[in-house]
Amino acid sequence: AQAEKLARSLDDMPGLEEIPLIVLVDDSAFAAAKLNNFLWVTFTRSNP
């Protein structure tokens, strides 16, 4: 429900064409701090 709520809120928002990937995380500062953090968080904590 939370993910779908977020998706709906972004549905008609202009300017998202250049942001093809959004990742929901517990700590965005950590996940964005360096590439290895992004890779570890995104791909070890999700089931497609």
All heavy atoms as atom14 arrays in JSON, in Angstrom:
{
  "sequence": "AQAEKLARSLDDMPGLEEIPLIVLVDDSAFAAAKLNNFLWVTFTRSNP",
  "atom14_mask": [
    [1, 1, 1, 1, 1, 0, 0, 0, 0, 0, 0, 0, 0, 0],
    [1, 1, 1, 1, 1, 1, 1, 1, 1, 0, 0, 0, 0, 0],
    [1, 1, 1, 1, 1, 0, 0, 0, 0, 0, 0, 0, 0, 0],
    [1, 1, 1, 1, 1, 1, 1, 1, 1, 0, 0, 0, 0, 0],
    [1, 1, 1, 1, 1, 1, 1, 1, 1, 0, 0, 0, 0, 0],
    [1, 1, 1, 1, 1, 1, 1, 1, 0, 0, 0, 0, 0, 0],
    [1, 1, 1, 1, 1, 0, 0, 0, 0, 0, 0, 0, 0, 0],
    [1, 1, 1, 1, 1, 1, 1, 1, 1, 1, 1, 0, 0, 0],
    [1, 1, 1, 1, 1, 1, 0, 0, 0, 0, 0, 0, 0, 0],
    [1, 1, 1, 1, 1, 1, 1, 1, 0, 0, 0, 0, 0, 0],
    [1, 1, 1, 1, 1, 1, 1, 1, 0, 0, 0, 0, 0, 0],
    [1, 1, 1, 1, 1, 1, 1, 1, 0, 0, 0, 0, 0, 0],
    [1, 1, 1, 1, 1, 1, 1, 1, 0, 0, 0, 0, 0, 0],
    [1, 1, 1, 1, 1, 1, 1, 0, 0, 0, 0, 0, 0, 0],
    [1, 1, 1, 1, 0, 0, 0, 0, 0, 0, 0, 0, 0, 0],
    [1, 1, 1, 1, 1, 1, 1, 1, 0, 0, 0, 0, 0, 0],
    [1, 1, 1, 1, 1, 1, 1, 1, 1, 0, 0, 0, 0, 0],
    [1, 1, 1, 1, 1, 1, 1, 1, 1, 0, 0, 0, 0, 0],
    [1, 1, 1, 1, 1, 1, 1, 1, 0, 0, 0, 0, 0, 0],
    [1, 1, 1, 1, 1, 1, 1, 0, 0, 0, 0, 0, 0, 0],
    [1, 1, 1, 1, 1, 1, 1, 1, 0, 0, 0, 0, 0, 0],
    [1, 1, 1, 1, 1, 1, 1, 1, 0, 0, 0, 0, 0, 0],
    [1, 1, 1, 1, 1, 1, 1, 0, 0, 0, 0, 0, 0, 0],
    [1, 1, 1, 1, 1, 1, 1, 1, 0, 0, 0, 0, 0, 0],
    [1, 1, 1, 1, 1, 1, 1, 0, 0, 0, 0, 0, 0, 0],
    [1, 1, 1, 1, 1, 1, 1, 1, 0, 0, 0, 0, 0, 0],
    [1, 1, 1, 1, 1, 1, 1, 1, 0, 0, 0, 0, 0, 0],
    [1, 1, 1, 1, 1, 1, 0, 0, 0, 0, 0, 0, 0, 0],
    [1, 1, 1, 1, 1, 0, 0, 0, 0, 0, 0, 0, 0, 0],
    [1, 1, 1, 1, 1, 1, 1, 1, 1, 1, 1, 0, 0, 0],
    [1, 1, 1, 1, 1, 0, 0, 0, 0, 0, 0, 0, 0, 0],
    [1, 1, 1, 1, 1, 0, 0, 0, 0, 0, 0, 0, 0, 0],
    [1, 1, 1, 1, 1, 0, 0, 0, 0, 0, 0, 0, 0, 0],
    [1, 1, 1, 1, 1, 1, 1, 1, 1, 0, 0, 0, 0, 0],
    [1, 1, 1, 1, 1, 1, 1, 1, 0, 0, 0, 0, 0, 0],
    [1, 1, 1, 1, 1, 1, 1, 1, 0, 0, 0, 0, 0, 0],
    [1, 1, 1, 1, 1, 1, 1, 1, 0, 0, 0, 0, 0, 0],
    [1, 1, 1, 1, 1, 1, 1, 1, 1, 1, 1, 0, 0, 0],
    [1, 1, 1, 1, 1, 1, 1, 1, 0, 0, 0, 0, 0, 0],
    [1, 1, 1, 1, 1, 1, 1, 1, 1, 1, 1, 1, 1, 1],
    [1, 1, 1, 1, 1, 1, 1, 0, 0, 0, 0, 0, 0, 0],
    [1, 1, 1, 1, 1, 1, 1, 0, 0, 0, 0, 0, 0, 0],
    [1, 1, 1, 1, 1, 1, 1, 1, 1, 1, 1, 0, 0, 0],
    [1, 1, 1, 1, 1, 1, 1, 0, 0, 0, 0, 0, 0, 0],
    [1, 1, 1, 1, 1, 1, 1, 1, 1, 1, 1, 0, 0, 0],
    [1, 1, 1, 1, 1, 1, 0, 0, 0, 0, 0, 0, 0, 0],
    [1, 1, 1, 1, 1, 1, 1, 1, 0, 0, 0, 0, 0, 0],
    [1, 1, 1, 1, 1, 1, 1, 0, 0, 0, 0, 0, 0, 0]
  ],
  "atom14_positions": [
    [[0.83, -1.21, 0.0], [0.0, 0.0, 0.0], [0.87, 1.26, 0.0], [0.55, 2.24, -0.69], [-0.93, -0.02, 1.22], [0.0, 0.0, 0.0], [0.0, 0.0, 0.0], [0.0, 0.0, 0.0], [0.0, 0.0, 0.0], [0.0, 0.0, 0.0], [0.0, 0.0, 0.0], [0.0, 0.0, 0.0], [0.0, 0.0, 0.0], [0.0, 0.0, 0.0]],
    [[1.96, 1.23, 0.76], [2.85, 2.4, 0.8], [3.51, 2.65, -0.55], [3.59, 3.79, -1.02], [3.92, 2.18, 1.88], [3.38, 2.21, 3.3], [4.36, 1.6, 4.3], [5.38, 1.02, 3.92], [4.04, 1.72, 5.58], [0.0, 0.0, 0.0], [0.0, 0.0, 0.0], [0.0, 0.0, 0.0], [0.0, 0.0, 0.0], [0.0, 0.0, 0.0]],
    [[4.01, 1.57, -1.19], [4.67, 1.74, -2.48], [3.69, 2.22, -3.54], [4.03, 3.08, -4.37], [5.31, 0.41, -2.91], [0.0, 0.0, 0.0], [0.0, 0.0, 0.0], [0.0, 0.0, 0.0], [0.0, 0.0, 0.0], [0.0, 0.0, 0.0], [0.0, 0.0, 0.0], [0.0, 0.0, 0.0], [0.0, 0.0, 0.0], [0.0, 0.0, 0.0]],
    [[2.48, 1.69, -3.52], [1.48, 2.11, -4.5], [1.03, 3.55, -4.24], [0.75, 4.31, -5.18], [0.3, 1.15, -4.49], [0.69, -0.23, -5.05], [-0.44, -1.24, -4.96], [-1.42, -0.97, -4.22], [-0.34, -2.31, -5.6], [0.0, 0.0, 0.0], [0.0, 0.0, 0.0], [0.0, 0.0, 0.0], [0.0, 0.0, 0.0], [0.0, 0.0, 0.0]],
    [[0.99, 3.93, -2.97], [0.66, 5.32, -2.62], [1.71, 6.26, -3.18], [1.39, 7.31, -3.76], [0.57, 5.45, -1.1], [0.38, 6.88, -0.59], [0.41, 6.9, 0.94], [0.34, 8.31, 1.49], [0.41, 8.32, 2.99], [0.0, 0.0, 0.0], [0.0, 0.0, 0.0], [0.0, 0.0, 0.0], [0.0, 0.0, 0.0], [0.0, 0.0, 0.0]],
    [[2.98, 5.88, -3.03], [4.06, 6.71, -3.58], [3.93, 6.8, -5.1], [4.05, 7.89, -5.68], [5.41, 6.12, -3.21], [6.63, 6.79, -3.86], [6.82, 8.19, -3.29], [7.87, 5.96, -3.67], [0.0, 0.0, 0.0], [0.0, 0.0, 0.0], [0.0, 0.0, 0.0], [0.0, 0.0, 0.0], [0.0, 0.0, 0.0], [0.0, 0.0, 0.0]],
    [[3.68, 5.66, -5.75], [3.57, 5.65, -7.21], [2.44, 6.55, -7.68], [2.58, 7.3, -8.67], [3.38, 4.22, -7.7], [0.0, 0.0, 0.0], [0.0, 0.0, 0.0], [0.0, 0.0, 0.0], [0.0, 0.0, 0.0], [0.0, 0.0, 0.0], [0.0, 0.0, 0.0], [0.0, 0.0, 0.0], [0.0, 0.0, 0.0], [0.0, 0.0, 0.0]],
    [[1.31, 6.51, -6.98], [0.18, 7.36, -7.38], [0.52, 8.84, -7.21], [0.14, 9.67, -8.03], [-1.06, 7.01, -6.55], [-1.71, 5.69, -6.93], [-3.1, 5.57, -6.31], [-3.06, 5.65, -4.85], [-2.88, 4.6, -4.05], [-2.73, 3.39, -4.58], [-2.87, 4.74, -2.74], [0.0, 0.0, 0.0], [0.0, 0.0, 0.0], [0.0, 0.0, 0.0]],
    [[1.24, 9.15, -6.16], [1.58, 10.56, -5.92], [2.52, 11.11, -6.99], [2.59, 12.31, -7.21], [2.23, 10.71, -4.53], [3.55, 10.23, -4.52], [0.0, 0.0, 0.0], [0.0, 0.0, 0.0], [0.0, 0.0, 0.0], [0.0, 0.0, 0.0], [0.0, 0.0, 0.0], [0.0, 0.0, 0.0], [0.0, 0.0, 0.0], [0.0, 0.0, 0.0]],
    [[3.26, 10.22, -7.64], [4.2, 10.64, -8.68], [3.6, 10.52, -10.08], [4.26, 10.87, -11.07], [5.47, 9.78, -8.61], [6.25, 9.81, -7.29], [7.42, 8.84, -7.34], [6.74, 11.23, -6.97], [0.0, 0.0, 0.0], [0.0, 0.0, 0.0], [0.0, 0.0, 0.0], [0.0, 0.0, 0.0], [0.0, 0.0, 0.0], [0.0, 0.0, 0.0]],
    [[2.38, 10.04, -10.16], [1.76, 9.69, -11.43], [1.78, 10.82, -12.45], [2.17, 10.65, -13.6], [0.31, 9.24, -11.18], [-0.3, 8.56, -12.39], [0.38, 8.49, -13.42], [-1.43, 8.06, -12.29], [0.0, 0.0, 0.0], [0.0, 0.0, 0.0], [0.0, 0.0, 0.0], [0.0, 0.0, 0.0], [0.0, 0.0, 0.0], [0.0, 0.0, 0.0]],
    [[1.37, 12.0, -12.05], [1.28, 13.11, -13.0], [2.27, 14.22, -12.69], [2.09, 15.37, -13.11], [-0.15, 13.68, -13.03], [-0.62, 14.1, -11.64], [0.15, 13.92, -10.66], [-1.75, 14.61, -11.53], [0.0, 0.0, 0.0], [0.0, 0.0, 0.0], [0.0, 0.0, 0.0], [0.0, 0.0, 0.0], [0.0, 0.0, 0.0], [0.0, 0.0, 0.0]],
    [[3.32, 13.89, -11.93], [4.3, 14.91, -11.57], [5.23, 15.18, -12.75], [5.85, 14.25, -13.28], [5.11, 14.44, -10.35], [6.05, 15.51, -9.8], [6.87, 14.93, -8.27], [5.46, 14.82, -7.16], [0.0, 0.0, 0.0], [0.0, 0.0, 0.0], [0.0, 0.0, 0.0], [0.0, 0.0, 0.0], [0.0, 0.0, 0.0], [0.0, 0.0, 0.0]],
    [[5.37, 16.42, -13.18], [6.25, 16.73, -14.31], [7.73, 16.59, -13.91], [8.09, 16.73, -12.74], [5.9, 18.18, -14.64], [5.37, 18.75, -13.37], [4.68, 17.62, -12.67], [0.0, 0.0, 0.0], [0.0, 0.0, 0.0], [0.0, 0.0, 0.0], [0.0, 0.0, 0.0], [0.0, 0.0, 0.0], [0.0, 0.0, 0.0], [0.0, 0.0, 0.0]],
    [[8.56, 16.28, -14.9], [10.0, 16.27, -14.68], [10.58, 14.95, -14.25], [11.79, 14.86, -13.99], [0.0, 0.0, 0.0], [0.0, 0.0, 0.0], [0.0, 0.0, 0.0], [0.0, 0.0, 0.0], [0.0, 0.0, 0.0], [0.0, 0.0, 0.0], [0.0, 0.0, 0.0], [0.0, 0.0, 0.0], [0.0, 0.0, 0.0], [0.0, 0.0, 0.0]],
    [[9.75, 13.88, -14.17], [10.28, 12.59, -13.73], [10.86, 11.76, -14.87], [11.41, 10.68, -14.63], [9.18, 11.78, -13.04], [8.7, 12.28, -11.68], [7.68, 11.32, -11.1], [9.87, 12.44, -10.72], [0.0, 0.0, 0.0], [0.0, 0.0, 0.0], [0.0, 0.0, 0.0], [0.0, 0.0, 0.0], [0.0, 0.0, 0.0], [0.0, 0.0, 0.0]],
    [[10.76, 12.26, -16.09], [11.25, 11.49, -17.23], [12.75, 11.18, -17.1], [13.23, 10.18, -17.63], [11.0, 12.26, -18.54], [9.53, 12.51, -18.86], [8.97, 13.72, -18.1], [9.77, 14.41, -17.41], [7.75, 13.95, -18.17], [0.0, 0.0, 0.0], [0.0, 0.0, 0.0], [0.0, 0.0, 0.0], [0.0, 0.0, 0.0], [0.0, 0.0, 0.0]],
    [[13.46, 12.05, -16.41], [14.91, 11.87, -16.29], [15.31, 11.15, -15.0], [16.49, 11.09, -14.65], [15.61, 13.23, -16.37], [15.39, 13.92, -17.73], [16.09, 15.25, -17.82], [16.7, 15.68, -16.8], [16.02, 15.88, -18.89], [0.0, 0.0, 0.0], [0.0, 0.0, 0.0], [0.0, 0.0, 0.0], [0.0, 0.0, 0.0], [0.0, 0.0, 0.0]],
    [[14.31, 10.59, -14.29], [14.58, 9.79, -13.08], [13.95, 8.41, -13.3], [12.84, 8.14, -12.85], [14.01, 10.45, -11.81], [14.53, 11.88, -11.68], [14.39, 9.64, -10.57], [13.96, 12.64, -10.49], [0.0, 0.0, 0.0], [0.0, 0.0, 0.0], [0.0, 0.0, 0.0], [0.0, 0.0, 0.0], [0.0, 0.0, 0.0], [0.0, 0.0, 0.0]],
    [[14.63, 7.53, -14.02], [14.0, 6.24, -14.35], [13.97, 5.24, -13.2], [13.22, 4.28, -13.25], [14.88, 5.72, -15.49], [16.2, 6.37, -15.28], [15.9, 7.73, -14.71], [0.0, 0.0, 0.0], [0.0, 0.0, 0.0], [0.0, 0.0, 0.0], [0.0, 0.0, 0.0], [0.0, 0.0, 0.0], [0.0, 0.0, 0.0], [0.0, 0.0, 0.0]],
    [[14.78, 5.46, -12.15], [14.84, 4.48, -11.06], [14.71, 5.15, -9.71], [15.45, 6.08, -9.38], [16.17, 3.7, -11.12], [16.37, 2.66, -10.02], [15.3, 1.57, -10.08], [17.76, 2.03, -10.11], [0.0, 0.0, 0.0], [0.0, 0.0, 0.0], [0.0, 0.0, 0.0], [0.0, 0.0, 0.0], [0.0, 0.0, 0.0], [0.0, 0.0, 0.0]],
    [[13.76, 4.65, -8.91], [13.56, 5.1, -7.54], [13.71, 3.88, -6.62], [13.14, 2.81, -6.9], [12.18, 5.74, -7.35], [12.09, 7.06, -8.14], [11.87, 5.98, -5.87], [10.7, 7.68, -8.17], [0.0, 0.0, 0.0], [0.0, 0.0, 0.0], [0.0, 0.0, 0.0], [0.0, 0.0, 0.0], [0.0, 0.0, 0.0], [0.0, 0.0, 0.0]],
    [[14.46, 4.01, -5.55], [14.65, 2.91, -4.6], [14.2, 3.37, -3.23], [14.64, 4.42, -2.73], [16.12, 2.46, -4.56], [16.27, 1.26, -3.63], [16.63, 2.11, -5.95], [0.0, 0.0, 0.0], [0.0, 0.0, 0.0], [0.0, 0.0, 0.0], [0.0, 0.0, 0.0], [0.0, 0.0, 0.0], [0.0, 0.0, 0.0], [0.0, 0.0, 0.0]],
    [[13.31, 2.6, -2.62], [12.83, 2.88, -1.26], [13.78, 2.22, -0.27], [14.02, 1.01, -0.36], [11.41, 2.36, -1.07], [10.36, 2.86, -2.06], [8.98, 2.32, -1.69], [10.34, 4.38, -2.12], [0.0, 0.0, 0.0], [0.0, 0.0, 0.0], [0.0, 0.0, 0.0], [0.0, 0.0, 0.0], [0.0, 0.0, 0.0], [0.0, 0.0, 0.0]],
    [[14.3, 2.99, 0.66], [15.32, 2.49, 1.58], [15.02, 2.95, 3.0], [14.18, 3.83, 3.23], [16.73, 2.98, 1.16], [17.11, 2.41, -0.21], [16.81, 4.49, 1.14], [0.0, 0.0, 0.0], [0.0, 0.0, 0.0], [0.0, 0.0, 0.0], [0.0, 0.0, 0.0], [0.0, 0.0, 0.0], [0.0, 0.0, 0.0], [0.0, 0.0, 0.0]],
    [[15.72, 2.36, 3.96], [15.59, 2.77, 5.36], [16.43, 4.0, 5.68], [16.08, 4.78, 6.57], [16.01, 1.63, 6.28], [15.11, 0.41, 6.13], [13.91, 0.52, 6.43], [15.61, -0.64, 5.68], [0.0, 0.0, 0.0], [0.0, 0.0, 0.0], [0.0, 0.0, 0.0], [0.0, 0.0, 0.0], [0.0, 0.0, 0.0], [0.0, 0.0, 0.0]],
    [[17.52, 4.17, 4.94], [18.45, 5.27, 5.21], [18.98, 5.77, 3.87], [19.92, 5.2, 3.31], [19.6, 4.78, 6.1], [20.56, 5.88, 6.51], [20.55, 6.95, 5.88], [21.35, 5.66, 7.46], [0.0, 0.0, 0.0], [0.0, 0.0, 0.0], [0.0, 0.0, 0.0], [0.0, 0.0, 0.0], [0.0, 0.0, 0.0], [0.0, 0.0, 0.0]],
    [[18.37, 6.82, 3.35], [18.75, 7.29, 2.02], [20.14, 7.91, 2.0], [20.84, 7.84, 0.99], [17.72, 8.31, 1.5], [17.63, 9.42, 2.38], [0.0, 0.0, 0.0], [0.0, 0.0, 0.0], [0.0, 0.0, 0.0], [0.0, 0.0, 0.0], [0.0, 0.0, 0.0], [0.0, 0.0, 0.0], [0.0, 0.0, 0.0], [0.0, 0.0, 0.0]],
    [[20.58, 8.52, 3.11], [21.92, 9.1, 3.15], [22.97, 8.0, 2.99], [23.95, 8.16, 2.26], [22.13, 9.86, 4.45], [0.0, 0.0, 0.0], [0.0, 0.0, 0.0], [0.0, 0.0, 0.0], [0.0, 0.0, 0.0], [0.0, 0.0, 0.0], [0.0, 0.0, 0.0], [0.0, 0.0, 0.0], [0.0, 0.0, 0.0], [0.0, 0.0, 0.0]],
    [[22.76, 6.87, 3.67], [23.69, 5.75, 3.55], [23.65, 5.16, 2.15], [24.7, 4.93, 1.53], [23.34, 4.68, 4.58], [24.14, 3.41, 4.45], [25.42, 3.34, 4.98], [23.62, 2.3, 3.78], [26.17, 2.18, 4.86], [24.37, 1.14, 3.65], [25.65, 1.08, 4.19], [0.0, 0.0, 0.0], [0.0, 0.0, 0.0], [0.0, 0.0, 0.0]],
    [[22.46, 4.91, 1.62], [22.34, 4.25, 0.32], [22.93, 5.09, -0.81], [23.44, 4.56, -1.79], [20.87, 3.94, 0.03], [0.0, 0.0, 0.0], [0.0, 0.0, 0.0], [0.0, 0.0, 0.0], [0.0, 0.0, 0.0], [0.0, 0.0, 0.0], [0.0, 0.0, 0.0], [0.0, 0.0, 0.0], [0.0, 0.0, 0.0], [0.0, 0.0, 0.0]],
    [[22.87, 6.42, -0.66], [23.34, 7.31, -1.72], [24.79, 7.75, -1.52], [25.36, 8.39, -2.4], [22.44, 8.54, -1.8], [0.0, 0.0, 0.0], [0.0, 0.0, 0.0], [0.0, 0.0, 0.0], [0.0, 0.0, 0.0], [0.0, 0.0, 0.0], [0.0, 0.0, 0.0], [0.0, 0.0, 0.0], [0.0, 0.0, 0.0], [0.0, 0.0, 0.0]],
    [[25.39, 7.4, -0.39], [26.71, 7.93, -0.06], [27.78, 7.46, -1.04], [28.7, 8.21, -1.38], [27.09, 7.53, 1.36], [0.0, 0.0, 0.0], [0.0, 0.0, 0.0], [0.0, 0.0, 0.0], [0.0, 0.0, 0.0], [0.0, 0.0, 0.0], [0.0, 0.0, 0.0], [0.0, 0.0, 0.0], [0.0, 0.0, 0.0], [0.0, 0.0, 0.0]],
    [[27.69, 6.22, -1.5], [28.65, 5.71, -2.48], [28.01, 4.57, -3.25], [27.04, 3.95, -2.78], [29.95, 5.27, -1.81], [29.8, 4.26, -0.7], [31.16, 3.99, -0.04], [31.04, 2.98, 1.09], [32.36, 2.73, 1.73], [0.0, 0.0, 0.0], [0.0, 0.0, 0.0], [0.0, 0.0, 0.0], [0.0, 0.0, 0.0], [0.0, 0.0, 0.0]],
    [[28.56, 4.29, -4.41], [27.97, 3.3, -5.3], [27.85, 1.94, -4.62], [26.83, 1.25, -4.76], [28.8, 3.18, -6.58], [28.31, 2.15, -7.6], [26.93, 2.51, -8.12], [29.31, 2.02, -8.75], [0.0, 0.0, 0.0], [0.0, 0.0, 0.0], [0.0, 0.0, 0.0], [0.0, 0.0, 0.0], [0.0, 0.0, 0.0], [0.0, 0.0, 0.0]],
    [[28.87, 1.51, -3.88], [28.82, 0.19, -3.24], [27.68, 0.08, -2.25], [27.08, -0.99, -2.08], [30.15, -0.11, -2.55], [31.2, -0.62, -3.52], [30.97, -0.7, -4.73], [32.37, -0.95, -3.01], [0.0, 0.0, 0.0], [0.0, 0.0, 0.0], [0.0, 0.0, 0.0], [0.0, 0.0, 0.0], [0.0, 0.0, 0.0], [0.0, 0.0, 0.0]],
    [[27.35, 1.18, -1.56], [26.2, 1.16, -0.65], [24.91, 0.95, -1.42], [24.04, 0.16, -1.02], [26.12, 2.46, 0.15], [27.22, 2.6, 1.18], [28.1, 1.75, 1.28], [27.18, 3.66, 1.95], [0.0, 0.0, 0.0], [0.0, 0.0, 0.0], [0.0, 0.0, 0.0], [0.0, 0.0, 0.0], [0.0, 0.0, 0.0], [0.0, 0.0, 0.0]],
    [[24.76, 1.67, -2.53], [23.56, 1.51, -3.37], [23.43, 0.06, -3.84], [22.35, -0.53, -3.77], [23.64, 2.45, -4.58], [22.74, 2.04, -5.71], [21.38, 2.28, -5.66], [23.26, 1.38, -6.83], [20.55, 1.87, -6.71], [22.45, 0.97, -7.86], [21.09, 1.21, -7.81], [0.0, 0.0, 0.0], [0.0, 0.0, 0.0], [0.0, 0.0, 0.0]],
    [[24.52, -0.51, -4.33], [24.48, -1.87, -4.86], [24.11, -2.87, -3.76], [23.29, -3.77, -3.97], [25.84, -2.23, -5.46], [26.26, -1.42, -6.7], [27.72, -1.68, -7.02], [25.38, -1.75, -7.89], [0.0, 0.0, 0.0], [0.0, 0.0, 0.0], [0.0, 0.0, 0.0], [0.0, 0.0, 0.0], [0.0, 0.0, 0.0], [0.0, 0.0, 0.0]],
    [[24.72, -2.72, -2.6], [24.47, -3.66, -1.5], [23.03, -3.57, -1.02], [22.34, -4.59, -0.88], [25.45, -3.38, -0.37], [25.36, -4.34, 0.77], [25.54, -5.69, 0.72], [25.08, -4.03, 2.14], [25.4, -6.25, 1.97], [25.12, -5.25, 2.86], [24.82, -2.85, 2.83], [24.89, -5.31, 4.24], [24.59, -2.92, 4.2], [24.62, -4.13, 4.88]],
    [[22.55, -2.36, -0.76], [21.2, -2.18, -0.23], [20.15, -2.61, -1.25], [19.24, -3.39, -0.94], [20.98, -0.71, 0.18], [19.5, -0.44, 0.46], [21.81, -0.36, 1.4], [0.0, 0.0, 0.0], [0.0, 0.0, 0.0], [0.0, 0.0, 0.0], [0.0, 0.0, 0.0], [0.0, 0.0, 0.0], [0.0, 0.0, 0.0], [0.0, 0.0, 0.0]],
    [[20.28, -2.14, -2.48], [19.23, -2.36, -3.48], [19.07, -3.82, -3.84], [17.94, -4.35, -3.91], [19.52, -1.54, -4.74], [19.62, -0.16, -4.4], [18.43, -1.73, -5.79], [0.0, 0.0, 0.0], [0.0, 0.0, 0.0], [0.0, 0.0, 0.0], [0.0, 0.0, 0.0], [0.0, 0.0, 0.0], [0.0, 0.0, 0.0], [0.0, 0.0, 0.0]],
    [[20.17, -4.53, -4.04], [20.07, -5.86, -4.63], [20.12, -6.99, -3.61], [19.76, -8.12, -3.95], [21.14, -6.02, -5.71], [20.96, -5.03, -6.83], [21.79, -3.92, -6.95], [19.92, -5.17, -7.73], [21.6, -2.99, -7.97], [19.71, -4.25, -8.74], [20.56, -3.16, -8.87], [0.0, 0.0, 0.0], [0.0, 0.0, 0.0], [0.0, 0.0, 0.0]],
    [[20.51, -6.72, -2.38], [20.45, -7.77, -1.36], [19.15, -7.69, -0.56], [18.83, -8.65, 0.16], [21.64, -7.71, -0.38], [21.58, -6.51, 0.4], [22.97, -7.78, -1.13], [0.0, 0.0, 0.0], [0.0, 0.0, 0.0], [0.0, 0.0, 0.0], [0.0, 0.0, 0.0], [0.0, 0.0, 0.0], [0.0, 0.0, 0.0], [0.0, 0.0, 0.0]],
    [[18.42, -6.6, -0.66], [17.22, -6.42, 0.18], [15.93, -6.41, -0.61], [14.9, -5.94, -0.12], [17.36, -5.13, 1.0], [18.51, -5.14, 1.98], [18.65, -3.87, 2.78], [19.81, -3.94, 3.69], [20.2, -2.97, 4.49], [19.53, -1.8, 4.49], [21.25, -3.11, 5.28], [0.0, 0.0, 0.0], [0.0, 0.0, 0.0], [0.0, 0.0, 0.0]],
    [[15.96, -6.91, -1.84], [14.73, -6.9, -2.63], [14.56, -8.21, -3.36], [15.52, -8.86, -3.77], [14.74, -5.74, -3.64], [15.84, -5.86, -4.53], [0.0, 0.0, 0.0], [0.0, 0.0, 0.0], [0.0, 0.0, 0.0], [0.0, 0.0, 0.0], [0.0, 0.0, 0.0], [0.0, 0.0, 0.0], [0.0, 0.0, 0.0], [0.0, 0.0, 0.0]],
    [[13.3, -8.6, -3.5], [12.87, -9.8, -4.22], [12.06, -9.3, -5.41], [10.98, -8.72, -5.23], [12.02, -10.68, -3.31], [11.49, -11.91, -4.01], [11.93, -12.26, -5.1], [10.52, -12.57, -3.38], [0.0, 0.0, 0.0], [0.0, 0.0, 0.0], [0.0, 0.0, 0.0], [0.0, 0.0, 0.0], [0.0, 0.0, 0.0], [0.0, 0.0, 0.0]],
    [[12.55, -9.44, -6.65], [11.9, -8.77, -7.8], [10.39, -8.94, -7.87], [9.66, -7.96, -8.08], [12.6, -9.41, -9.0], [13.97, -9.74, -8.49], [13.76, -10.17, -7.06], [0.0, 0.0, 0.0], [0.0, 0.0, 0.0], [0.0, 0.0, 0.0], [0.0, 0.0, 0.0], [0.0, 0.0, 0.0], [0.0, 0.0, 0.0], [0.0, 0.0, 0.0]]
  ]
}
